[in-house]
Amino acid sequence: MRAALLICLSLVSSSCASLGGKDCTIADWREAGFEDGIAGAPENAFDRRCERCATKPGFAADFTAYTEGRAAGLAEYCRAETGFSVGARGEAYHGVCAAEDSVAFVAAYARGSRLFELEREAAAARIAASDAEAEIWRTKRRMVEVQARIAALSTDREDRAELGAELKRLRKSLSHSEPALPAFAERRLAAERELAGYRETLGFQPPNAGTAIPALASF
């Protein structure tokens, strides 16, 4: 590890040979820094790049170029509109913005994060309601099948007894699941109302709003 850090901090030429690894083939360290900056990568992104690649033959890092590129990337990243988008996608904020930029960024990030949470809850409520309805439908369909087999002349006494026990279990299951449907529906409606109300407070329809549960992203 010590050797890796010495290589990274040597600030040698920015050109690197092809090292057989995607992350270790960096021809332009300024561009690498810009990519990390505009993505809001944590402060240790440079060290992580070096730790992965320092043992590769010919690896050389240019910390100065990387830092310049990262600063340019952060200038693009640390904007209020970006903060909102980052929060709305459910991504983490790693505290990389300077004090003068962080106030507006963090406030917008909080609004976006709230939108993300409400969208996720609304989607989860819709899925839960849909799953409950589907389970009831499957239970009723199976009940019809069981009843048909019980009534069939070809069904012997032993099978008929087993089918009768299954039908009893299905009816008991249905007696519990059907009364729960209104609660699922109410949860869905409440979540959708809250989401709609919050979107109104934002004053626009975010481009990433949808029905699917957003995926969390992290570095």
Protein backbone atom coordinates (compact mmCIF):
# COMPACT_ATOMS: atom_id res chain seq x y z
CA MET A 1 0.00 0.00 0.00
CA ARG A 2 2.84 2.39 0.87
CA ALA A 3 4.46 1.71 -2.50
CA ALA A 4 1.16 2.44 -4.21
CA LEU A 5 0.84 5.83 -2.54
CA LEU A 6 4.44 6.76 -3.35
CA ILE A 7 3.80 6.06 -7.01
CA CYS A 8 0.56 8.07 -6.98
CA LEU A 9 2.12 11.06 -5.30
CA SER A 10 5.16 11.14 -7.54
CA LEU A 11 3.23 13.30 -10.03
CA VAL A 12 4.94 11.87 -13.04
CA SER A 13 3.92 12.01 -16.69
CA SER A 14 0.23 11.71 -17.45
CA SER A 15 0.62 9.20 -20.25
CA CYS A 16 0.22 5.53 -19.34
CA ALA A 17 0.96 2.39 -21.24
CA SER A 18 -1.78 -0.09 -22.01
CA LEU A 19 -1.87 -2.16 -18.86
CA GLY A 20 -4.47 -4.76 -19.70
CA GLY A 21 -7.03 -3.37 -17.25
CA LYS A 22 -9.82 -0.95 -18.10
CA ASP A 23 -9.37 1.21 -14.97
CA CYS A 24 -5.59 1.21 -15.26
CA THR A 25 -5.36 2.40 -18.87
CA ILE A 26 -5.54 6.15 -18.25
CA ALA A 27 -4.08 8.27 -21.01
CA ASP A 28 -5.41 11.59 -19.70
CA TRP A 29 -5.44 12.11 -15.94
CA ARG A 30 -7.16 15.47 -16.29
CA GLU A 31 -10.05 13.74 -18.05
CA ALA A 32 -10.10 11.06 -15.36
CA GLY A 33 -10.33 13.78 -12.71
CA PHE A 34 -13.10 15.54 -14.61
CA GLU A 35 -15.09 12.30 -14.83
CA ASP A 36 -14.78 11.74 -11.07
CA GLY A 37 -15.64 15.36 -10.33
CA ILE A 38 -18.73 15.58 -12.50
CA ALA A 39 -19.93 12.27 -11.04
CA GLY A 40 -19.52 13.58 -7.48
CA ALA A 41 -17.14 10.75 -6.62
CA PRO A 42 -15.72 10.75 -3.07
CA GLU A 43 -12.50 12.58 -2.23
CA ASN A 44 -10.57 9.30 -2.14
CA ALA A 45 -11.37 8.47 -5.78
CA PHE A 46 -7.79 9.22 -6.87
CA ASP A 47 -6.32 7.03 -4.13
CA ARG A 48 -8.66 4.21 -5.09
CA ARG A 49 -7.58 4.42 -8.71
CA CYS A 50 -3.95 4.23 -7.61
CA GLU A 51 -4.47 1.39 -5.17
CA ARG A 52 -6.02 -0.73 -7.91
CA CYS A 53 -3.33 0.01 -10.46
CA ALA A 54 -0.04 0.89 -8.75
CA THR A 55 1.36 -2.65 -9.06
CA LYS A 56 0.76 -2.72 -12.81
CA PRO A 57 3.98 -2.43 -14.85
CA GLY A 58 4.51 1.11 -16.12
CA PHE A 59 1.63 2.67 -14.18
CA ALA A 60 2.13 6.39 -13.64
CA ALA A 61 -0.29 8.91 -12.14
CA ASP A 62 -0.43 12.69 -12.49
CA PHE A 63 -2.04 14.07 -9.37
CA THR A 64 -1.81 17.68 -10.52
CA ALA A 65 -3.66 17.03 -13.78
CA TYR A 66 -6.20 14.86 -11.97
CA THR A 67 -6.87 17.60 -9.40
CA GLU A 68 -7.36 20.22 -12.11
CA GLY A 69 -9.79 17.98 -13.96
CA ARG A 70 -11.67 17.12 -10.77
CA ALA A 71 -12.09 20.81 -9.93
CA ALA A 72 -13.58 21.44 -13.38
CA GLY A 73 -15.90 18.47 -12.96
CA LEU A 74 -17.03 19.59 -9.52
CA ALA A 75 -17.85 23.03 -10.91
CA GLU A 76 -20.40 21.30 -13.13
CA TYR A 77 -21.58 18.90 -10.45
CA CYS A 78 -22.03 21.34 -7.56
CA ARG A 79 -25.08 23.10 -8.96
CA ALA A 80 -28.55 23.14 -7.47
CA GLU A 81 -30.11 21.47 -10.51
CA THR A 82 -27.57 18.68 -10.29
CA GLY A 83 -28.21 18.32 -6.58
CA PHE A 84 -31.90 17.80 -7.26
CA SER A 85 -31.21 15.23 -9.99
CA VAL A 86 -28.75 13.33 -7.80
CA GLY A 87 -31.27 13.17 -4.96
CA ALA A 88 -34.14 12.24 -7.27
CA ARG A 89 -32.11 9.27 -8.57
CA GLY A 90 -31.48 8.05 -5.04
CA GLU A 91 -27.74 8.57 -5.29
CA ALA A 92 -25.51 9.37 -2.34
CA TYR A 93 -23.94 12.80 -1.87
CA HIS A 94 -20.37 12.54 -0.60
CA GLY A 95 -19.95 16.10 0.66
CA VAL A 96 -17.62 17.07 -2.16
CA CYS A 97 -18.92 20.58 -2.86
CA ALA A 98 -17.18 23.67 -1.45
CA ALA A 99 -18.96 25.62 1.28
CA GLU A 100 -20.10 28.40 -1.07
CA ASP A 101 -21.75 25.85 -3.38
CA SER A 102 -22.97 23.29 -0.88
CA VAL A 103 -25.89 25.26 0.60
CA ALA A 104 -27.90 25.43 -2.62
CA PHE A 105 -26.75 21.97 -3.68
CA VAL A 106 -27.73 20.29 -0.41
CA ALA A 107 -31.11 22.04 -0.29
CA ALA A 108 -31.89 20.88 -3.83
CA TYR A 109 -30.51 17.43 -3.05
CA ALA A 110 -32.91 17.16 -0.09
CA ARG A 111 -35.87 18.03 -2.33
CA GLY A 112 -34.79 15.45 -4.89
CA SER A 113 -34.25 12.82 -2.21
CA ARG A 114 -37.75 13.43 -0.88
CA LEU A 115 -39.14 12.95 -4.38
CA PHE A 116 -37.17 9.71 -4.70
CA GLU A 117 -38.56 8.42 -1.39
CA LEU A 118 -42.15 9.28 -2.34
CA GLU A 119 -41.81 7.70 -5.78
CA ARG A 120 -40.37 4.56 -4.24
CA GLU A 121 -43.16 4.34 -1.67
CA ALA A 122 -45.83 4.88 -4.34
CA ALA A 123 -44.30 2.20 -6.55
CA ALA A 124 -43.98 -0.22 -3.63
CA ALA A 125 -47.61 0.41 -2.65
CA ARG A 126 -48.79 -0.26 -6.19
CA ILE A 127 -46.80 -3.48 -6.35
CA ALA A 128 -48.09 -4.63 -2.96
CA ALA A 129 -51.70 -4.00 -3.99
CA SER A 130 -51.18 -5.75 -7.31
CA ASP A 131 -49.55 -8.74 -5.64
CA ALA A 132 -52.40 -9.04 -3.13
CA GLU A 133 -54.99 -8.97 -5.91
CA ALA A 134 -53.05 -11.53 -7.93
CA GLU A 135 -52.78 -13.86 -4.94
CA ILE A 136 -56.54 -13.71 -4.39
CA TRP A 137 -57.12 -14.44 -8.07
CA ARG A 138 -54.80 -17.47 -7.91
CA THR A 139 -56.57 -18.73 -4.80
CA LYS A 140 -60.00 -18.43 -6.40
CA ARG A 141 -58.80 -20.14 -9.56
CA ARG A 142 -57.38 -23.01 -7.57
CA MET A 143 -60.65 -23.30 -5.64
CA VAL A 144 -62.53 -23.72 -8.92
CA GLU A 145 -60.09 -26.41 -10.02
CA VAL A 146 -60.37 -28.26 -6.71
CA GLN A 147 -64.15 -28.09 -6.70
CA ALA A 148 -64.24 -29.46 -10.25
CA ARG A 149 -62.02 -32.38 -9.29
CA ILE A 150 -64.11 -33.12 -6.20
CA ALA A 151 -67.25 -33.23 -8.37
CA ALA A 152 -65.63 -35.43 -11.03
CA LEU A 153 -66.82 -39.05 -11.04
CA SER A 154 -63.28 -40.25 -11.70
CA THR A 155 -62.01 -38.88 -8.39
CA ASP A 156 -61.72 -41.63 -5.78
CA ARG A 157 -62.62 -41.28 -2.12
CA GLU A 158 -59.06 -40.77 -0.86
CA ASP A 159 -58.30 -38.03 -3.39
CA ARG A 160 -61.64 -36.42 -2.71
CA ALA A 161 -60.81 -36.22 0.99
CA GLU A 162 -57.44 -34.59 0.29
CA LEU A 163 -59.06 -32.16 -2.11
CA GLY A 164 -61.69 -31.33 0.47
CA ALA A 165 -58.97 -30.49 3.00
CA GLU A 166 -57.21 -28.31 0.44
CA LEU A 167 -60.46 -26.51 -0.38
CA LYS A 168 -60.93 -25.79 3.29
CA ARG A 169 -57.43 -24.29 3.52
CA LEU A 170 -58.05 -22.19 0.41
CA ARG A 171 -61.30 -20.81 1.82
CA LYS A 172 -59.57 -19.93 5.08
CA SER A 173 -56.78 -18.17 3.19
CA LEU A 174 -59.31 -16.23 1.15
CA SER A 175 -61.21 -15.20 4.27
CA HIS A 176 -58.03 -13.49 5.50
CA SER A 177 -56.72 -12.04 2.24
CA GLU A 178 -59.90 -10.52 0.80
CA PRO A 179 -60.65 -8.26 3.80
CA ALA A 180 -57.06 -6.94 3.60
CA LEU A 181 -57.48 -5.63 0.06
CA PRO A 182 -58.96 -2.24 1.08
CA ALA A 183 -55.90 -1.55 3.23
CA PHE A 184 -53.60 -2.20 0.28
CA ALA A 185 -55.73 0.04 -1.91
CA GLU A 186 -55.75 2.81 0.70
CA ARG A 187 -51.97 2.65 1.07
CA ARG A 188 -51.60 2.96 -2.70
CA LEU A 189 -53.98 5.90 -2.95
CA ALA A 190 -52.38 7.69 0.01
CA ALA A 191 -48.89 7.26 -1.43
CA GLU A 192 -49.98 8.47 -4.86
CA ARG A 193 -51.75 11.49 -3.36
CA GLU A 194 -48.68 12.44 -1.35
CA LEU A 195 -46.46 12.04 -4.39
CA ALA A 196 -48.78 14.11 -6.58
CA GLY A 197 -48.96 16.83 -3.94
CA TYR A 198 -45.19 16.99 -3.60
CA ARG A 199 -44.75 17.19 -7.36
CA GLU A 200 -47.10 20.16 -7.37
CA THR A 201 -44.93 21.93 -4.80
CA LEU A 202 -41.93 21.42 -7.08
CA GLY A 203 -43.75 23.19 -9.87
CA PHE A 204 -42.80 20.78 -12.61
CA GLN A 205 -42.83 17.14 -13.63
CA PRO A 206 -39.32 15.71 -13.11
CA PRO A 207 -38.07 13.79 -16.15
CA ASN A 208 -37.15 10.74 -14.07
CA ALA A 209 -40.55 10.37 -12.42
CA GLY A 210 -42.07 6.99 -13.13
CA THR A 211 -43.66 3.88 -11.73
CA ALA A 212 -40.59 1.74 -11.33
CA ILE A 213 -38.72 1.66 -8.04
CA PRO A 214 -35.53 3.67 -8.63
CA ALA A 215 -32.27 1.86 -8.05
CA LEU A 216 -29.86 3.15 -5.49
CA ALA A 217 -26.51 4.14 -6.81
CA SER A 218 -23.22 4.38 -4.99
CA PHE A 219 -19.53 4.63 -5.60
